[in-house]
């Protein structure tokens, strides 16, 4: 019981710090996170995020936001990322390796007590661009050999507008 209360208190404090520090970060075009039930990420649970793109002349960068406890048993997480563009019936899928710790075991990202959060730039293939106006859908699936994957607290997506595209003169 004391451990659960401590986890809850740590989570509240970390959330407050993240909110205060987010004032220093550029405002995202889109950002949302989803809590993983009981901090056990099952294969069947695929956090899905939908966002609208209206300015197709802009460049965008996407970031995975992952929050885990210090008890997470691995230094990385393999994920499948699904992207559906507006009007498409085909969902593009990519497998990515998200490194969460250095080889020495030191966690990457920001941490407080037992909770760690990392924002990782998603370097998706050239076939995935936000070049059509409309609603995009991005989903994340854990692709590790362990199911459910323990100690994953939240998964999120952040999309930032980074300026205008340079026109292709060819």
Foldseek 3Di string as FASTA:
>chain_A
DVVVVVVVVQVVVVVVVCVVCCVVPPDFPDKDKDWAPVQFAAQVDKDKDKDWDDDLQFFKWKKKKWKFWQVQPDQKFKKKKWKDAPPDPDIDIDIDIGGQADPVSHGDADDDHTMHMDIGTDDDDPVDGNNDGDMMMMIMGTDDPDGRRHGTTMIMMTMHTDGGDDDDPD
